[in-house]
Amino acid sequence: MKLTEQDLHLLEFASYDDYLNSLIDGKSLQYFGNRENLISLYRTGYRALTKEAFDAQRTFLEVTKDPNTLFSRHIAPKDRFLQEIAKRERPNRLGLLSTIIYMRCVKKATEISGYIDYEEALRRVHQDQQYSNDWRAIFAEERVLYPTPADLLYYNAKTGRSMRNNTRNYQILCDPARGIIFRNMYDRKDIYPDPVARSYGTNTSRIELASDLYEQVVLYDHVVRKNY
């Protein structure tokens, strides 16, 4: 995606307040009469981006401008799970490591579980995308990462709704003996998420983490051996 001058202009603002102040001109003040009232009106989304939209758009633009931008940079999360995926962000972006996240959690009194292709989820940041992720807010513990119908596997225990999606990194296979298998599309190696399996696959390890955010969370780390 090629960024326009208007896109790049948004990156010039150090904060949301700076962005709002840039929208104020003499004509607007003359019409509304009060700077504070005008700022309050802009915050609602009137002729301006809301703070949520501003932050999400800036995140998307930063990633578009530099695909290796780290969302976790300069953020020190306290939760163990967030600490671990922050460590894995860069190698996943570079394609050296491919992490699948399994999580089981309660959202609005409903148990939700699923498998997330971490690298694919890191790219799902544009505010217009369905089930987009605000990763800066997630690492800052202002929002919680949940499995969604757009992820590898998703299950809602209350509604019984389940979804499965292949990604550019993984193809989902079902084996009568081994159950669900995730086949990496780069080195064609299989990942076996069965928790009692003797092996989780070639160059694949499993780690279960204690987290205050989830009932259960597990990381499957696959070291990718690309064939060029």
Protein backbone atom coordinates (compact mmCIF):
# COMPACT_ATOMS: atom_id res chain seq x y z
CA MET A 1 0.00 0.00 0.00
CA LYS A 2 1.36 3.40 -0.98
CA LEU A 3 0.91 6.09 1.66
CA THR A 4 -0.46 9.47 0.58
CA GLU A 5 0.69 12.86 1.85
CA GLN A 6 -2.51 13.02 3.91
CA ASP A 7 -1.63 9.68 5.54
CA LEU A 8 1.91 10.79 6.35
CA HIS A 9 0.56 14.07 7.76
CA LEU A 10 -1.21 12.07 10.50
CA LEU A 11 2.14 10.64 11.59
CA GLU A 12 3.46 14.14 12.27
CA PHE A 13 1.35 14.54 15.41
CA ALA A 14 2.98 13.41 18.64
CA SER A 15 -0.36 13.04 20.42
CA TYR A 16 -4.11 13.06 19.88
CA ASP A 17 -4.34 16.50 21.49
CA ASP A 18 -1.84 17.87 18.97
CA TYR A 19 -4.02 16.47 16.19
CA LEU A 20 -7.16 18.10 17.59
CA ASN A 21 -5.43 21.44 18.07
CA SER A 22 -4.32 21.39 14.43
CA LEU A 23 -7.97 21.33 13.34
CA ILE A 24 -8.84 24.60 15.05
CA ASP A 25 -8.85 27.71 12.88
CA GLY A 26 -10.25 31.19 13.11
CA LYS A 27 -13.43 30.34 11.23
CA SER A 28 -14.24 27.42 13.56
CA LEU A 29 -13.63 29.53 16.66
CA GLN A 30 -15.80 32.29 15.25
CA TYR A 31 -18.63 29.84 14.67
CA PHE A 32 -18.41 27.88 17.95
CA GLY A 33 -17.07 30.71 20.08
CA ASN A 34 -15.14 28.61 22.59
CA ARG A 35 -11.96 26.55 22.11
CA GLU A 36 -12.77 24.02 24.85
CA ASN A 37 -16.25 23.39 23.47
CA LEU A 38 -14.80 22.93 19.99
CA ILE A 39 -12.22 20.41 21.25
CA SER A 40 -14.94 18.50 23.13
CA LEU A 41 -17.01 18.37 19.95
CA TYR A 42 -14.06 17.09 17.91
CA ARG A 43 -13.53 14.31 20.48
CA THR A 44 -16.97 12.91 19.67
CA GLY A 45 -15.87 12.37 16.06
CA TYR A 46 -17.46 15.47 14.58
CA ARG A 47 -15.27 16.40 11.59
CA ALA A 48 -12.38 14.60 13.28
CA LEU A 49 -11.14 11.16 14.26
CA THR A 50 -12.03 9.85 17.68
CA LYS A 51 -9.04 8.99 19.88
CA GLU A 52 -9.63 5.29 19.24
CA ALA A 53 -9.71 5.82 15.48
CA PHE A 54 -6.66 8.13 15.62
CA ASP A 55 -4.58 5.57 17.56
CA ALA A 56 -5.67 2.69 15.32
CA GLN A 57 -4.98 4.64 12.12
CA ARG A 58 -1.54 5.74 13.34
CA THR A 59 -0.70 2.14 14.21
CA PHE A 60 -1.73 0.99 10.75
CA LEU A 61 0.26 3.76 9.05
CA GLU A 62 3.38 3.06 11.11
CA VAL A 63 3.24 -0.63 10.19
CA THR A 64 2.59 0.18 6.53
CA LYS A 65 5.53 2.56 6.48
CA ASP A 66 7.80 0.10 8.31
CA PRO A 67 6.53 -3.52 8.44
CA ASN A 68 9.06 -4.30 11.18
CA THR A 69 7.66 -1.71 13.59
CA LEU A 70 7.25 -3.37 16.98
CA PHE A 71 3.97 -2.71 18.77
CA SER A 72 5.53 -3.78 22.08
CA ARG A 73 8.41 -1.29 21.81
CA HIS A 74 8.84 0.84 24.95
CA ILE A 75 6.00 -1.05 26.68
CA ALA A 76 6.65 -3.26 29.72
CA PRO A 77 3.57 -5.44 30.33
CA LYS A 78 3.15 -7.03 33.75
CA ASP A 79 1.20 -10.10 32.65
CA ARG A 80 3.39 -13.12 31.90
CA PHE A 81 1.55 -13.97 28.68
CA LEU A 82 2.01 -10.46 27.29
CA GLN A 83 5.67 -10.51 28.27
CA GLU A 84 6.18 -13.75 26.35
CA ILE A 85 4.44 -12.67 23.15
CA ALA A 86 6.31 -9.34 23.30
CA LYS A 87 9.56 -11.36 23.18
CA ARG A 88 8.23 -13.25 20.18
CA GLU A 89 6.95 -10.27 18.20
CA ARG A 90 10.12 -9.51 16.26
CA PRO A 91 11.05 -13.11 15.28
CA ASN A 92 7.44 -13.68 14.18
CA ARG A 93 7.51 -10.54 12.04
CA LEU A 94 10.80 -11.63 10.45
CA GLY A 95 9.46 -15.12 9.75
CA LEU A 96 12.11 -16.83 11.87
CA LEU A 97 9.57 -18.07 14.38
CA SER A 98 5.90 -18.89 13.96
CA THR A 99 3.84 -18.86 17.13
CA ILE A 100 0.34 -20.28 17.52
CA ILE A 101 -1.53 -19.06 20.59
CA TYR A 102 -4.18 -21.24 22.21
CA MET A 103 -6.39 -19.49 24.70
CA ARG A 104 -9.49 -20.24 26.70
CA CYS A 105 -11.17 -17.30 28.40
CA VAL A 106 -14.44 -15.89 29.67
CA LYS A 107 -15.86 -12.86 27.88
CA LYS A 108 -19.18 -11.43 29.04
CA ALA A 109 -19.95 -14.60 31.03
CA THR A 110 -19.31 -16.76 27.95
CA GLU A 111 -16.38 -19.14 27.53
CA ILE A 112 -14.49 -18.60 24.28
CA SER A 113 -11.55 -20.62 23.06
CA GLY A 114 -9.43 -20.75 19.95
CA TYR A 115 -6.08 -20.89 18.22
CA ILE A 116 -4.51 -17.67 16.92
CA ASP A 117 -1.84 -17.40 14.22
CA TYR A 118 0.21 -14.72 16.00
CA GLU A 119 1.96 -13.32 12.91
CA GLU A 120 -1.32 -13.10 11.01
CA ALA A 121 -2.98 -11.38 13.97
CA LEU A 122 -0.13 -8.85 14.13
CA ARG A 123 -0.99 -7.80 10.58
CA ARG A 124 -4.71 -7.45 11.29
CA VAL A 125 -4.52 -3.87 12.55
CA HIS A 126 -6.39 -1.62 10.13
CA GLN A 127 -9.41 -0.09 11.86
CA ASP A 128 -11.64 -0.92 8.87
CA GLN A 129 -10.75 -4.61 9.08
CA GLN A 130 -13.20 -6.86 10.87
CA TYR A 131 -11.75 -8.18 14.14
CA SER A 132 -8.76 -5.84 13.96
CA ASN A 133 -6.34 -5.71 16.90
CA ASP A 134 -5.03 -2.63 18.69
CA TRP A 135 -1.72 -4.19 19.68
CA ARG A 136 -0.30 -1.19 21.50
CA ALA A 137 -3.36 -1.15 23.75
CA ILE A 138 -3.10 -4.93 24.21
CA PHE A 139 0.56 -4.79 25.26
CA ALA A 140 -0.22 -1.83 27.53
CA GLU A 141 -2.98 -3.96 29.15
CA GLU A 142 -5.65 -1.45 28.17
CA ARG A 143 -7.39 -4.09 26.03
CA VAL A 144 -7.54 -7.87 26.08
CA LEU A 145 -6.71 -10.16 23.17
CA TYR A 146 -9.51 -12.65 22.48
CA PRO A 147 -9.92 -15.39 19.86
CA THR A 148 -12.20 -14.24 17.04
CA PRO A 149 -14.02 -15.92 14.13
CA ALA A 150 -11.18 -14.62 11.91
CA ASP A 151 -8.53 -16.71 13.68
CA LEU A 152 -7.30 -20.23 12.94
CA LEU A 153 -9.89 -21.88 15.17
CA TYR A 154 -12.67 -20.29 17.21
CA TYR A 155 -15.34 -21.73 19.50
CA ASN A 156 -18.08 -19.99 21.48
CA ALA A 157 -19.39 -22.36 24.18
CA LYS A 158 -22.65 -20.44 24.67
CA THR A 159 -23.78 -20.24 21.06
CA GLY A 160 -21.94 -23.33 19.83
CA ARG A 161 -20.52 -21.27 16.99
CA SER A 162 -17.23 -22.57 15.63
CA MET A 163 -15.01 -21.31 12.83
CA ARG A 164 -11.84 -22.52 11.13
CA ASN A 165 -9.67 -20.50 8.77
CA ASN A 166 -6.50 -21.29 6.89
CA THR A 167 -3.98 -18.44 6.95
CA ARG A 168 -0.99 -17.62 4.77
CA ASN A 169 1.12 -19.39 7.43
CA TYR A 170 -0.99 -22.44 8.22
CA GLN A 171 -3.28 -24.99 6.66
CA ILE A 172 -5.62 -26.79 9.07
CA LEU A 173 -5.75 -30.58 8.73
CA CYS A 174 -7.73 -33.19 10.65
CA ASP A 175 -6.24 -36.60 11.34
CA PRO A 176 -8.41 -39.45 12.75
CA ALA A 177 -5.60 -40.47 15.12
CA ARG A 178 -3.84 -37.20 15.98
CA GLY A 179 -6.76 -34.80 15.73
CA ILE A 180 -6.13 -31.22 14.63
CA ILE A 181 -2.87 -30.52 12.77
CA PHE A 182 -1.51 -27.15 11.69
CA ARG A 183 0.74 -27.45 8.61
CA ASN A 184 3.21 -24.62 8.19
CA MET A 185 3.02 -23.32 4.62
CA TYR A 186 6.70 -22.33 4.45
CA ASP A 187 8.56 -25.46 5.53
CA ARG A 188 5.60 -27.90 5.30
CA LYS A 189 6.19 -29.12 8.86
CA ASP A 190 3.20 -30.15 10.99
CA ILE A 191 2.37 -28.80 14.45
CA TYR A 192 0.41 -31.10 16.75
CA PRO A 193 -1.49 -29.15 19.46
CA ASP A 194 -2.55 -32.28 21.36
CA PRO A 195 -1.47 -31.47 24.97
CA VAL A 196 -0.62 -35.12 25.73
CA ALA A 197 1.37 -35.72 22.54
CA ARG A 198 4.92 -36.97 22.90
CA SER A 199 6.02 -34.49 20.27
CA TYR A 200 4.43 -31.29 19.07
CA GLY A 201 6.20 -31.46 15.72
CA THR A 202 9.63 -30.89 14.19
CA ASN A 203 11.27 -27.75 15.61
CA THR A 204 8.17 -27.06 17.70
CA SER A 205 7.89 -26.51 21.44
CA ARG A 206 4.92 -25.92 23.76
CA ILE A 207 4.73 -23.71 26.83
CA GLU A 208 1.71 -23.20 29.07
CA LEU A 209 1.60 -19.87 30.90
CA ALA A 210 -0.11 -18.60 34.02
CA SER A 211 -2.05 -15.44 33.22
CA ASP A 212 -4.50 -13.26 35.13
CA LEU A 213 -6.25 -12.52 31.84
CA TYR A 214 -7.19 -16.03 30.74
CA GLU A 215 -8.42 -19.36 32.07
CA GLN A 216 -5.72 -21.07 30.02
CA VAL A 217 -3.12 -19.89 27.53
CA VAL A 218 -0.55 -21.96 25.62
CA LEU A 219 2.11 -20.98 23.08
CA TYR A 220 3.30 -23.31 20.32
CA ASP A 221 6.59 -22.01 18.93
CA HIS A 222 7.71 -23.34 15.57
CA VAL A 223 11.18 -22.48 14.27
CA VAL A 224 10.67 -22.00 10.54
CA ARG A 225 13.09 -23.57 8.09
CA LYS A 226 12.29 -21.85 4.83
CA ASN A 227 13.17 -23.51 1.55
CA TYR A 228 14.49 -20.97 -0.93
